[in-house]
């Protein structure tokens, strides 16, 4: 493994760690389930994908490297779907938004019709 190869792996791990840290801070600091879900799903997807990509660069296109690529595809397919399902479930359970300014698009359309 040459120096450039090592630098690319290290940079991908650092970038992945940064995104996971940002997602963790967002999960702790944001006020409601919708914001927390957004922060954790986006940052976790980017962070974990960067670390899995580092695994692919480190191990190469066979064996563990191929597993890393499959993990990236799986993550990009499941993370947005899971976040959408969490958001939809929270809406159906009546979980309110933080603050009074945010509303669901359907509610705004119904209010404009009644005016």
PDB file of N, CA and C in Angstrom:
ATOM      1  N   UNK A   1       0.858  -1.173   0.000  1.00  0.00           N
ATOM      2  CA  UNK A   1       0.000   0.000   0.000  1.00  0.00           C
ATOM      3  C   UNK A   1       0.903   1.234   0.000  1.00  0.00           C
ATOM      4  N   UNK A   2       0.760   2.066  -1.022  1.00  0.00           N
ATOM      5  CA  UNK A   2       1.610   3.247  -1.099  1.00  0.00           C
ATOM      6  C   UNK A   2       1.012   4.399  -0.284  1.00  0.00           C
ATOM      7  N   UNK A   3       1.736   5.507  -0.276  1.00  0.00           N
ATOM      8  CA  UNK A   3       1.346   6.642   0.566  1.00  0.00           C
ATOM      9  C   UNK A   3       0.037   7.280   0.114  1.00  0.00           C
ATOM     10  N   UNK A   4      -0.143   7.410  -1.190  1.00  0.00           N
ATOM     11  CA  UNK A   4      -1.390   8.015  -1.692  1.00  0.00           C
ATOM     12  C   UNK A   4      -2.588   7.146  -1.328  1.00  0.00           C
ATOM     13  N   UNK A   5      -2.417   5.852  -1.455  1.00  0.00           N
ATOM     14  CA  UNK A   5      -3.475   4.914  -1.079  1.00  0.00           C
ATOM     15  C   UNK A   5      -3.847   5.081   0.398  1.00  0.00           C
ATOM     16  N   UNK A   6      -2.865   5.183   1.249  1.00  0.00           N
ATOM     17  CA  UNK A   6      -3.098   5.359   2.683  1.00  0.00           C
ATOM     18  C   UNK A   6      -3.771   6.700   2.971  1.00  0.00           C
ATOM     19  N   UNK A   7      -3.370   7.745   2.252  1.00  0.00           N
ATOM     20  CA  UNK A   7      -3.980   9.065   2.469  1.00  0.00           C
ATOM     21  C   UNK A   7      -5.452   9.074   2.057  1.00  0.00           C
ATOM     22  N   UNK A   8      -5.766   8.391   0.968  1.00  0.00           N
ATOM     23  CA  UNK A   8      -7.170   8.329   0.524  1.00  0.00           C
ATOM     24  C   UNK A   8      -8.017   7.589   1.564  1.00  0.00           C
ATOM     25  N   UNK A   9      -7.512   6.476   2.055  1.00  0.00           N
ATOM     26  CA  UNK A   9      -8.248   5.721   3.079  1.00  0.00           C
ATOM     27  C   UNK A   9      -8.429   6.563   4.339  1.00  0.00           C
ATOM     28  N   UNK A  10      -7.363   7.227   4.763  1.00  0.00           N
ATOM     29  CA  UNK A  10      -7.455   8.055   5.970  1.00  0.00           C
ATOM     30  C   UNK A  10      -8.418   9.214   5.775  1.00  0.00           C
ATOM     31  N   UNK A  11      -8.389   9.848   4.599  1.00  0.00           N
ATOM     32  CA  UNK A  11      -9.304  10.974   4.335  1.00  0.00           C
ATOM     33  C   UNK A  11     -10.761  10.509   4.345  1.00  0.00           C
ATOM     34  N   UNK A  12     -11.022   9.346   3.756  1.00  0.00           N
ATOM     35  CA  UNK A  12     -12.404   8.835   3.748  1.00  0.00           C
ATOM     36  C   UNK A  12     -12.884   8.485   5.158  1.00  0.00           C
ATOM     37  N   UNK A  13     -11.999   7.940   5.969  1.00  0.00           N
ATOM     38  CA  UNK A  13     -12.388   7.623   7.351  1.00  0.00           C
ATOM     39  C   UNK A  13     -12.639   8.903   8.143  1.00  0.00           C
ATOM     40  N   UNK A  14     -11.818   9.916   7.932  1.00  0.00           N
ATOM     41  CA  UNK A  14     -12.008  11.194   8.640  1.00  0.00           C
ATOM     42  C   UNK A  14     -13.313  11.860   8.192  1.00  0.00           C
ATOM     43  N   UNK A  15     -13.571  11.874   6.898  1.00  0.00           N
ATOM     44  CA  UNK A  15     -14.822  12.462   6.391  1.00  0.00           C
ATOM     45  C   UNK A  15     -16.023  11.693   6.934  1.00  0.00           C
ATOM     46  N   UNK A  16     -15.948  10.375   6.934  1.00  0.00           N
ATOM     47  CA  UNK A  16     -17.041   9.573   7.483  1.00  0.00           C
ATOM     48  C   UNK A  16     -17.250   9.829   8.960  1.00  0.00           C
ATOM     49  N   UNK A  17     -16.161   9.921   9.699  1.00  0.00           N
ATOM     50  CA  UNK A  17     -16.272  10.219  11.126  1.00  0.00           C
ATOM     51  C   UNK A  17     -16.867  11.587  11.382  1.00  0.00           C
ATOM     52  N   UNK A  18     -16.511  12.559  10.536  1.00  0.00           N
ATOM     53  CA  UNK A  18     -17.075  13.905  10.675  1.00  0.00           C
ATOM     54  C   UNK A  18     -18.594  13.885  10.468  1.00  0.00           C
ATOM     55  N   UNK A  19     -19.041  13.226   9.412  1.00  0.00           N
ATOM     56  CA  UNK A  19     -20.482  13.186   9.149  1.00  0.00           C
ATOM     57  C   UNK A  19     -21.231  12.431  10.257  1.00  0.00           C
ATOM     58  N   UNK A  20     -20.649  11.373  10.765  1.00  0.00           N
ATOM     59  CA  UNK A  20     -21.303  10.653  11.857  1.00  0.00           C
ATOM     60  C   UNK A  20     -21.356  11.503  13.121  1.00  0.00           C
ATOM     61  N   UNK A  21     -20.313  12.295  13.360  1.00  0.00           N
ATOM     62  CA  UNK A  21     -20.320  13.195  14.518  1.00  0.00           C
ATOM     63  C   UNK A  21     -21.392  14.275  14.366  1.00  0.00           C
ATOM     64  N   UNK A  22     -21.500  14.845  13.172  1.00  0.00           N
ATOM     65  CA  UNK A  22     -22.529  15.863  12.920  1.00  0.00           C
ATOM     66  C   UNK A  22     -23.929  15.263  13.099  1.00  0.00           C
ATOM     67  N   UNK A  23     -24.128  14.054  12.620  1.00  0.00           N
ATOM     68  CA  UNK A  23     -25.419  13.401  12.796  1.00  0.00           C
ATOM     69  C   UNK A  23     -25.733  13.133  14.257  1.00  0.00           C
ATOM     70  N   UNK A  24     -24.722  12.778  15.014  1.00  0.00           N
ATOM     71  CA  UNK A  24     -24.926  12.533  16.441  1.00  0.00           C
ATOM     72  C   UNK A  24     -25.283  13.817  17.173  1.00  0.00           C
ATOM     73  N   UNK A  25     -24.598  14.897  16.849  1.00  0.00           N
ATOM     74  CA  UNK A  25     -24.911  16.186  17.474  1.00  0.00           C
ATOM     75  C   UNK A  25     -26.334  16.614  17.094  1.00  0.00           C
ATOM     76  N   UNK A  26     -26.701  16.423  15.827  1.00  0.00           N
ATOM     77  CA  UNK A  26     -28.061  16.761  15.402  1.00  0.00           C
ATOM     78  C   UNK A  26     -29.100  15.920  16.114  1.00  0.00           C
ATOM     79  N   UNK A  27     -28.797  14.660  16.322  1.00  0.00           N
ATOM     80  CA  UNK A  27     -29.723  13.779  17.031  1.00  0.00           C
ATOM     81  C   UNK A  27     -29.924  14.234  18.473  1.00  0.00           C
ATOM     82  N   UNK A  28     -28.887  14.747  19.076  1.00  0.00           N
ATOM     83  CA  UNK A  28     -28.980  15.189  20.471  1.00  0.00           C
ATOM     84  C   UNK A  28     -29.610  16.578  20.570  1.00  0.00           C
ATOM     85  N   UNK A  29     -29.286  17.472  19.655  1.00  0.00           N
ATOM     86  CA  UNK A  29     -29.639  18.879  19.812  1.00  0.00           C
ATOM     87  C   UNK A  29     -30.948  19.301  19.153  1.00  0.00           C
ATOM     88  N   UNK A  30     -31.398  18.641  18.125  1.00  0.00           N
ATOM     89  CA  UNK A  30     -32.598  19.104  17.428  1.00  0.00           C
ATOM     90  C   UNK A  30     -33.849  18.849  18.260  1.00  0.00           C
ATOM     91  N   UNK A  31     -34.881  19.705  18.079  1.00  0.00           N
ATOM     92  CA  UNK A  31     -35.987  19.701  19.031  1.00  0.00           C
ATOM     93  C   UNK A  31     -37.067  18.643  18.807  1.00  0.00           C
ATOM     94  N   UNK A  32     -37.316  18.200  17.597  1.00  0.00           N
ATOM     95  CA  UNK A  32     -38.424  17.260  17.417  1.00  0.00           C
ATOM     96  C   UNK A  32     -37.988  16.058  16.584  1.00  0.00           C
ATOM     97  N   UNK A  33     -38.888  15.107  16.455  1.00  0.00           N
ATOM     98  CA  UNK A  33     -38.551  13.842  15.816  1.00  0.00           C
ATOM     99  C   UNK A  33     -38.227  14.019  14.332  1.00  0.00           C
ATOM    100  N   UNK A  34     -38.849  14.979  13.681  1.00  0.00           N
ATOM    101  CA  UNK A  34     -38.620  15.178  12.244  1.00  0.00           C
ATOM    102  C   UNK A  34     -37.213  15.707  11.980  1.00  0.00           C
ATOM    103  N   UNK A  35     -36.807  16.687  12.761  1.00  0.00           N
ATOM    104  CA  UNK A  35     -35.456  17.218  12.595  1.00  0.00           C
ATOM    105  C   UNK A  35     -34.400  16.184  12.979  1.00  0.00           C
ATOM    106  N   UNK A  36     -34.652  15.476  14.046  1.00  0.00           N
ATOM    107  CA  UNK A  36     -33.688  14.450  14.476  1.00  0.00           C
ATOM    108  C   UNK A  36     -33.565  13.339  13.443  1.00  0.00           C
ATOM    109  N   UNK A  37     -34.686  12.946  12.880  1.00  0.00           N
ATOM    110  CA  UNK A  37     -34.673  11.907  11.867  1.00  0.00           C
ATOM    111  C   UNK A  37     -33.894  12.361  10.629  1.00  0.00           C
ATOM    112  N   UNK A  38     -34.095  13.606  10.246  1.00  0.00           N
ATOM    113  CA  UNK A  38     -33.387  14.141   9.084  1.00  0.00           C
ATOM    114  C   UNK A  38     -31.879  14.168   9.332  1.00  0.00           C
ATOM    115  N   UNK A  39     -31.496  14.677  10.486  1.00  0.00           N
ATOM    116  CA  UNK A  39     -30.065  14.777  10.787  1.00  0.00           C
ATOM    117  C   UNK A  39     -29.411  13.409  10.856  1.00  0.00           C
ATOM    118  N   UNK A  40     -30.061  12.492  11.518  1.00  0.00           N
ATOM    119  CA  UNK A  40     -29.428  11.189  11.688  1.00  0.00           C
ATOM    120  C   UNK A  40     -29.392  10.386  10.388  1.00  0.00           C
ATOM    121  N   UNK A  41     -30.444  10.463   9.587  1.00  0.00           N
ATOM    122  CA  UNK A  41     -30.461   9.633   8.370  1.00  0.00           C
ATOM    123  C   UNK A  41     -29.497  10.154   7.314  1.00  0.00           C
ATOM    124  N   UNK A  42     -29.485  11.448   7.094  1.00  0.00           N
ATOM    125  CA  UNK A  42     -28.578  12.002   6.069  1.00  0.00           C
ATOM    126  C   UNK A  42     -27.125  11.852   6.468  1.00  0.00           C
ATOM    127  N   UNK A  43     -26.817  12.238   7.696  1.00  0.00           N
ATOM    128  CA  UNK A  43     -25.426  12.183   8.131  1.00  0.00           C
ATOM    129  C   UNK A  43     -24.943  10.745   8.270  1.00  0.00           C
ATOM    130  N   UNK A  44     -25.793   9.871   8.747  1.00  0.00           N
ATOM    131  CA  UNK A  44     -25.382   8.474   8.885  1.00  0.00           C
ATOM    132  C   UNK A  44     -25.153   7.835   7.526  1.00  0.00           C
ATOM    133  N   UNK A  45     -25.967   8.193   6.544  1.00  0.00           N
ATOM    134  CA  UNK A  45     -25.772   7.645   5.204  1.00  0.00           C
ATOM    135  C   UNK A  45     -24.437   8.092   4.627  1.00  0.00           C
ATOM    136  N   UNK A  46     -24.164   9.383   4.712  1.00  0.00           N
ATOM    137  CA  UNK A  46     -22.896   9.879   4.172  1.00  0.00           C
ATOM    138  C   UNK A  46     -21.694   9.376   4.966  1.00  0.00           C
ATOM    139  N   UNK A  47     -21.808   9.395   6.277  1.00  0.00           N
ATOM    140  CA  UNK A  47     -20.689   8.970   7.115  1.00  0.00           C
ATOM    141  C   UNK A  47     -20.369   7.497   6.965  1.00  0.00           C
ATOM    142  N   UNK A  48     -21.388   6.668   7.066  1.00  0.00           N
ATOM    143  CA  UNK A  48     -21.150   5.230   6.939  1.00  0.00           C
ATOM    144  C   UNK A  48     -20.702   4.868   5.527  1.00  0.00           C
ATOM    145  N   UNK A  49     -21.252   5.563   4.523  1.00  0.00           N
ATOM    146  CA  UNK A  49     -20.823   5.290   3.149  1.00  0.00           C
ATOM    147  C   UNK A  49     -19.364   5.666   2.933  1.00  0.00           C
ATOM    148  N   UNK A  50     -18.931   6.761   3.522  1.00  0.00           N
ATOM    149  CA  UNK A  50     -17.521   7.146   3.395  1.00  0.00           C
ATOM    150  C   UNK A  50     -16.613   6.114   4.044  1.00  0.00           C
ATOM    151  N   UNK A  51     -17.006   5.620   5.192  1.00  0.00           N
ATOM    152  CA  UNK A  51     -16.172   4.613   5.866  1.00  0.00           C
ATOM    153  C   UNK A  51     -16.195   3.294   5.085  1.00  0.00           C
ATOM    154  N   UNK A  52     -17.351   2.924   4.547  1.00  0.00           N
ATOM    155  CA  UNK A  52     -17.406   1.713   3.722  1.00  0.00           C
ATOM    156  C   UNK A  52     -16.596   1.879   2.436  1.00  0.00           C
ATOM    157  N   UNK A  53     -16.610   3.085   1.884  1.00  0.00           N
ATOM    158  CA  UNK A  53     -15.789   3.346   0.696  1.00  0.00           C
ATOM    159  C   UNK A  53     -14.303   3.254   1.030  1.00  0.00           C
ATOM    160  N   UNK A  54     -13.941   3.686   2.226  1.00  0.00           N
ATOM    161  CA  UNK A  54     -12.554   3.513   2.671  1.00  0.00           C
ATOM    162  C   UNK A  54     -12.200   2.027   2.749  1.00  0.00           C
ATOM    163  N   UNK A  55     -13.147   1.205   3.189  1.00  0.00           N
ATOM    164  CA  UNK A  55     -12.920  -0.237   3.209  1.00  0.00           C
ATOM    165  C   UNK A  55     -12.729  -0.801   1.821  1.00  0.00           C
ATOM    166  N   UNK A  56     -13.504  -0.281   0.871  1.00  0.00           N
ATOM    167  CA  UNK A  56     -13.341  -0.727  -0.514  1.00  0.00           C
ATOM    168  C   UNK A  56     -11.968  -0.337  -1.059  1.00  0.00           C
ATOM    169  N   UNK A  57     -11.549   0.893  -0.786  1.00  0.00           N
ATOM    170  CA  UNK A  57     -10.234   1.338  -1.267  1.00  0.00           C
ATOM    171  C   UNK A  57      -9.128   0.522  -0.603  1.00  0.00           C
ATOM    172  N   UNK A  58      -9.280   0.219   0.657  1.00  0.00           N
ATOM    173  CA  UNK A  58      -8.246  -0.512   1.389  1.00  0.00           C
ATOM    174  C   UNK A  58      -8.143  -1.966   0.940  1.00  0.00           C
ATOM    175  N   UNK A  59      -9.299  -2.645   0.817  1.00  0.00           N
ATOM    176  CA  UNK A  59      -9.266  -4.080   0.517  1.00  0.00           C
ATOM    177  C   UNK A  59      -9.291  -4.400  -0.969  1.00  0.00           C
ATOM    178  N   UNK A  60      -9.694  -3.444  -1.800  1.00  0.00           N
ATOM    179  CA  UNK A  60      -9.734  -3.721  -3.227  1.00  0.00           C
ATOM    180  C   UNK A  60     -11.081  -4.268  -3.657  1.00  0.00           C
ATOM    181  N   UNK A  61     -11.220  -4.593  -4.938  1.00  0.00           N
ATOM    182  CA  UNK A  61     -12.539  -4.952  -5.463  1.00  0.00           C
ATOM    183  C   UNK A  61     -12.998  -6.376  -5.143  1.00  0.00           C
ATOM    184  N   UNK A  62     -12.253  -7.137  -4.398  1.00  0.00           N
ATOM    185  CA  UNK A  62     -12.655  -8.510  -4.091  1.00  0.00           C
ATOM    186  C   UNK A  62     -12.790  -8.683  -2.581  1.00  0.00           C
ATOM    187  N   UNK A  63     -13.539  -9.678  -2.183  1.00  0.00           N
ATOM    188  CA  UNK A  63     -13.664 -10.026  -0.770  1.00  0.00           C
ATOM    189  C   UNK A  63     -14.334  -8.935   0.049  1.00  0.00           C
ATOM    190  N   UNK A  64     -13.617  -8.439   1.037  1.00  0.00           N
ATOM    191  CA  UNK A  64     -14.175  -7.438   1.943  1.00  0.00           C
ATOM    192  C   UNK A  64     -14.478  -6.127   1.227  1.00  0.00           C
ATOM    193  N   UNK A  65     -13.729  -5.808   0.188  1.00  0.00           N
ATOM    194  CA  UNK A  65     -13.996  -4.594  -0.588  1.00  0.00           C
ATOM    195  C   UNK A  65     -15.343  -4.685  -1.297  1.00  0.00           C
ATOM    196  N   UNK A  66     -15.644  -5.829  -1.849  1.00  0.00           N
ATOM    197  CA  UNK A  66     -16.938  -6.033  -2.510  1.00  0.00           C
ATOM    198  C   UNK A  66     -18.070  -5.961  -1.488  1.00  0.00           C
ATOM    199  N   UNK A  67     -17.839  -6.504  -0.322  1.00  0.00           N
ATOM    200  CA  UNK A  67     -18.832  -6.416   0.751  1.00  0.00           C
ATOM    201  C   UNK A  67     -19.081  -4.953   1.124  1.00  0.00           C
ATOM    202  N   UNK A  68     -18.048  -4.146   1.112  1.00  0.00           N
ATOM    203  CA  UNK A  68     -18.205  -2.726   1.413  1.00  0.00           C
ATOM    204  C   UNK A  68     -19.072  -2.037   0.359  1.00  0.00           C
ATOM    205  N   UNK A  69     -18.867  -2.375  -0.899  1.00  0.00           N
ATOM    206  CA  UNK A  69     -19.698  -1.782  -1.952  1.00  0.00           C
ATOM    207  C   UNK A  69     -21.157  -2.199  -1.808  1.00  0.00           C
ATOM    208  N   UNK A  70     -21.384  -3.449  -1.494  1.00  0.00           N
ATOM    209  CA  UNK A  70     -22.756  -3.918  -1.280  1.00  0.00           C
ATOM    210  C   UNK A  70     -23.382  -3.194  -0.085  1.00  0.00           C
ATOM    211  N   UNK A  71     -22.574  -2.952   0.936  1.00  0.00           N
ATOM    212  CA  UNK A  71     -23.062  -2.206   2.096  1.00  0.00           C
ATOM    213  C   UNK A  71     -23.470  -0.792   1.739  1.00  0.00           C
ATOM    214  N   UNK A  72     -22.717  -0.146   0.849  1.00  0.00           N
ATOM    215  CA  UNK A  72     -23.063   1.212   0.415  1.00  0.00           C
ATOM    216  C   UNK A  72     -24.399   1.200  -0.327  1.00  0.00           C
ATOM    217  N   UNK A  73     -24.563   0.257  -1.227  1.00  0.00           N
ATOM    218  CA  UNK A  73     -25.829   0.168  -1.977  1.00  0.00           C
ATOM    219  C   UNK A  73     -26.995  -0.090  -1.021  1.00  0.00           C
ATOM    220  N   UNK A  74     -26.795  -1.023  -0.102  1.00  0.00           N
ATOM    221  CA  UNK A  74     -27.843  -1.336   0.874  1.00  0.00           C
ATOM    222  C   UNK A  74     -28.197  -0.105   1.709  1.00  0.00           C
ATOM    223  N   UNK A  75     -27.190   0.628   2.124  1.00  0.00           N
ATOM    224  CA  UNK A  75     -27.418   1.820   2.949  1.00  0.00           C
ATOM    225  C   UNK A  75     -28.175   2.889   2.180  1.00  0.00           C
ATOM    226  N   UNK A  76     -27.817   3.102   0.908  1.00  0.00           N
ATOM    227  CA  UNK A  76     -28.508   4.122   0.113  1.00  0.00           C
ATOM    228  C   UNK A  76     -29.948   3.717  -0.207  1.00  0.00           C
ATOM    229  N   UNK A  77     -30.237   2.433  -0.203  1.00  0.00           N
ATOM    230  CA  UNK A  77     -31.614   2.003  -0.442  1.00  0.00           C
ATOM    231  C   UNK A  77     -32.461   2.034   0.826  1.00  0.00           C
ATOM    232  N   UNK A  78     -31.881   1.681   1.954  1.00  0.00           N
ATOM    233  CA  UNK A  78     -32.686   1.518   3.161  1.00  0.00           C
ATOM    234  C   UNK A  78     -32.772   2.756   4.037  1.00  0.00           C
ATOM    235  N   UNK A  79     -31.759   3.593   4.081  1.00  0.00           N
ATOM    236  CA  UNK A  79     -31.780   4.745   5.000  1.00  0.00           C
ATOM    237  C   UNK A  79     -32.879   5.752   4.641  1.00  0.00           C
ATOM    238  N   UNK A  80     -33.024   6.176   3.377  1.00  0.00           N
ATOM    239  CA  UNK A  80     -34.131   7.098   3.074  1.00  0.00           C
ATOM    240  C   UNK A  80     -35.500   6.464   3.275  1.00  0.00           C
ATOM    241  N   UNK A  81     -35.612   5.177   2.974  1.00  0.00           N
ATOM    242  CA  UNK A  81     -36.891   4.500   3.174  1.00  0.00           C
ATOM    243  C   UNK A  81     -37.249   4.438   4.654  1.00  0.00           C
ATOM    244  N   UNK A  82     -36.281   4.111   5.481  1.00  0.00           N
ATOM    245  CA  UNK A  82     -36.530   4.064   6.911  1.00  0.00           C
ATOM    246  C   UNK A  82     -36.877   5.435   7.472  1.00  0.00           C
ATOM    247  N   UNK A  83     -36.171   6.467   7.010  1.00  0.00           N
ATOM    248  CA  UNK A  83     -36.459   7.827   7.486  1.00  0.00           C
ATOM    249  C   UNK A  83     -37.852   8.264   7.072  1.00  0.00           C
ATOM    250  N   UNK A  84     -38.245   7.918   5.861  1.00  0.00           N
ATOM    251  CA  UNK A  84     -39.589   8.265   5.404  1.00  0.00           C
ATOM    252  C   UNK A  84     -40.651   7.549   6.239  1.00  0.00           C
ATOM    253  N   UNK A  85     -40.427   6.287   6.539  1.00  0.00           N
ATOM    254  CA  UNK A  85     -41.398   5.543   7.336  1.00  0.00           C
ATOM    255  C   UNK A  85     -41.493   6.094   8.759  1.00  0.00           C
ATOM    256  N   UNK A  86     -40.383   6.490   9.334  1.00  0.00           N
ATOM    257  CA  UNK A  86     -40.409   7.085  10.677  1.00  0.00           C
ATOM    258  C   UNK A  86     -41.183   8.392  10.649  1.00  0.00           C
ATOM    259  N   UNK A  87     -40.932   9.219   9.641  1.00  0.00           N
ATOM    260  CA  UNK A  87     -41.641  10.496   9.525  1.00  0.00           C
ATOM    261  C   UNK A  87     -43.132  10.286   9.316  1.00  0.00           C
ATOM    262  N   UNK A  88     -43.470   9.366   8.463  1.00  0.00           N
ATOM    263  CA  UNK A  88     -44.891   9.095   8.178  1.00  0.00           C
ATOM    264  C   UNK A  88     -45.608   8.533   9.414  1.00  0.00           C
ATOM    265  N   UNK A  89     -44.928   7.682  10.144  1.00  0.00           N
ATOM    266  CA  UNK A  89     -45.515   7.139  11.366  1.00  0.00           C
ATOM    267  C   UNK A  89     -45.716   8.230  12.404  1.00  0.00           C
ATOM    268  N   UNK A  90     -44.750   9.123  12.519  1.00  0.00           N
ATOM    269  CA  UNK A  90     -44.885  10.228  13.477  1.00  0.00           C
ATOM    270  C   UNK A  90     -46.052  11.124  13.086  1.00  0.00           C
ATOM    271  N   UNK A  91     -46.221  11.371  11.782  1.00  0.00           N
ATOM    272  CA  UNK A  91     -47.351  12.192  11.336  1.00  0.00           C
ATOM    273  C   UNK A  91     -48.670  11.510  11.673  1.00  0.00           C
ATOM    274  N   UNK A  92     -48.762  10.221  11.403  1.00  0.00           N
ATOM    275  CA  UNK A  92     -50.019   9.503  11.666  1.00  0.00           C
ATOM    276  C   UNK A  92     -50.318   9.413  13.157  1.00  0.00           C
ATOM    277  N   UNK A  93     -49.270   9.425  14.000  1.00  0.00           N
ATOM    278  CA  UNK A  93     -49.474   9.408  15.445  1.00  0.00           C
ATOM    279  C   UNK A  93     -49.794  10.799  15.987  1.00  0.00           C
ATOM    280  N   UNK A  94     -49.698  11.828  15.145  1.00  0.00           N
ATOM    281  CA  UNK A  94     -50.025  13.173  15.577  1.00  0.00           C
ATOM    282  C   UNK A  94     -48.902  13.898  16.279  1.00  0.00           C
ATOM    283  N   UNK A  95     -47.670  13.507  16.013  1.00  0.00           N
ATOM    284  CA  UNK A  95     -46.530  14.188  16.632  1.00  0.00           C
ATOM    285  C   UNK A  95     -46.416  15.574  15.991  1.00  0.00           C
ATOM    286  N   UNK A  96     -46.468  16.642  16.789  1.00  0.00           N
ATOM    287  CA  UNK A  96     -46.440  17.979  16.207  1.00  0.00           C
ATOM    288  C   UNK A  96     -45.031  18.417  15.835  1.00  0.00           C
ATOM    289  N   UNK A  97     -44.976  19.415  14.958  1.00  0.00           N
ATOM    290  CA  UNK A  97     -43.704  20.044  14.624  1.00  0.00           C
ATOM    291  C   UNK A  97     -43.270  20.935  15.772  1.00  0.00           C
ATOM    292  N   UNK A  98     -41.993  21.209  15.849  1.00  0.00           N
ATOM    293  CA  UNK A  98     -41.485  22.175  16.809  1.00  0.00           C
ATOM    294  C   UNK A  98     -41.805  23.568  16.283  1.00  0.00           C
ATOM    295  N   UNK A  99     -42.447  24.367  17.072  1.00  0.00           N
ATOM    296  CA  UNK A  99     -42.798  25.723  16.647  1.00  0.00           C
ATOM    297  C   UNK A  99     -44.106  25.729  15.893  1.00  0.00           C
ATOM    298  N   UNK A 100     -44.580  26.938  15.584  1.00  0.00           N
ATOM    299  CA  UNK A 100     -45.870  27.082  14.913  1.00  0.00           C
ATOM    300  C   UNK A 100     -45.756  27.339  13.423  1.00  0.00           C
ATOM    301  N   UNK A 101     -44.554  27.540  12.903  1.00  0.00           N
ATOM    302  CA  UNK A 101     -44.390  27.941  11.511  1.00  0.00           C
ATOM    303  C   UNK A 101     -44.457  26.781  10.529  1.00  0.00           C
ATOM    304  N   UNK A 102     -44.049  25.600  10.939  1.00  0.00           N
ATOM    305  CA  UNK A 102     -44.010  24.456  10.021  1.00  0.00           C
ATOM    306  C   UNK A 102     -45.356  23.738  10.021  1.00  0.00           C
ATOM    307  N   UNK A 103     -45.807  23.374   8.828  1.00  0.00           N
ATOM    308  CA  UNK A 103     -47.056  22.624   8.672  1.00  0.00           C
ATOM    309  C   UNK A 103     -46.896  21.627   7.536  1.00  0.00           C
ATOM    310  N   UNK A 104     -47.750  20.649   7.523  1.00  0.00           N
ATOM    311  CA  UNK A 104     -47.760  19.700   6.420  1.00  0.00           C
ATOM    312  C   UNK A 104     -48.358  20.386   5.199  1.00  0.00           C
ATOM    313  N   UNK A 105     -47.931  20.067   4.009  1.00  0.00           N
ATOM    314  CA  UNK A 105     -48.440  20.734   2.800  1.00  0.00           C
ATOM    315  C   UNK A 105     -49.955  20.598   2.639  1.00  0.00           C
ATOM    316  N   UNK A 106     -50.517  19.491   3.004  1.00  0.00           N
ATOM    317  CA  UNK A 106     -51.953  19.298   2.853  1.00  0.00           C
ATOM    318  C   UNK A 106     -52.731  20.266   3.751  1.00  0.00           C
ATOM    319  N   UNK A 107     -52.245  20.525   4.956  1.00  0.00           N
ATOM    320  CA  UNK A 107     -52.903  21.454   5.868  1.00  0.00           C
ATOM    321  C   UNK A 107     -52.926  22.870   5.298  1.00  0.00           C
ATOM    322  N   UNK A 108     -51.840  23.286   4.663  1.00  0.00           N
ATOM    323  CA  UNK A 108     -51.790  24.623   4.064  1.00  0.00           C
ATOM    324  C   UNK A 108     -52.782  24.735   2.910  1.00  0.00           C
ATOM    325  N   UNK A 109     -52.912  23.687   2.119  1.00  0.00           N
ATOM    326  CA  UNK A 109     -53.856  23.721   0.993  1.00  0.00           C
ATOM    327  C   UNK A 109     -55.290  23.793   1.494  1.00  0.00           C
ATOM    328  N   UNK A 110     -55.590  23.059   2.566  1.00  0.00           N
ATOM    329  CA  UNK A 110     -56.941  23.091   3.120  1.00  0.00           C
ATOM    330  C   UNK A 110     -57.271  24.456   3.716  1.00  0.00           C
ATOM    331  N   UNK A 111     -56.286  25.099   4.352  1.00  0.00           N
ATOM    332  CA  UNK A 111     -56.516  26.431   4.913  1.00  0.00           C
ATOM    333  C   UNK A 111     -56.727  27.463   3.818  1.00  0.00           C
ATOM    334  N   UNK A 112     -56.021  27.351   2.714  1.00  0.00           N
ATOM    335  CA  UNK A 112     -56.179  28.318   1.635  1.00  0.00           C
ATOM    336  C   UNK A 112     -57.541  28.157   0.947  1.00  0.00           C
ATOM    337  N   UNK A 113     -58.076  26.940   0.920  1.00  0.00           N
ATOM    338  CA  UNK A 113     -59.410  26.734   0.348  1.00  0.00           C
ATOM    339  C   UNK A 113     -60.495  27.332   1.236  1.00  0.00           C
ATOM    340  N   UNK A 114     -60.304  27.236   2.559  1.00  0.00           N
ATOM    341  CA  UNK A 114     -61.333  27.733   3.462  1.00  0.00           C
ATOM    342  C   UNK A 114     -61.343  29.257   3.546  1.00  0.00           C
ATOM    343  N   UNK A 115     -60.234  29.898   3.170  1.00  0.00           N
ATOM    344  CA  UNK A 115     -60.178  31.376   3.239  1.00  0.00           C
ATOM    345  C   UNK A 115     -60.895  32.041   2.113  1.00  0.00           C
TER     346      UNK A 115
END
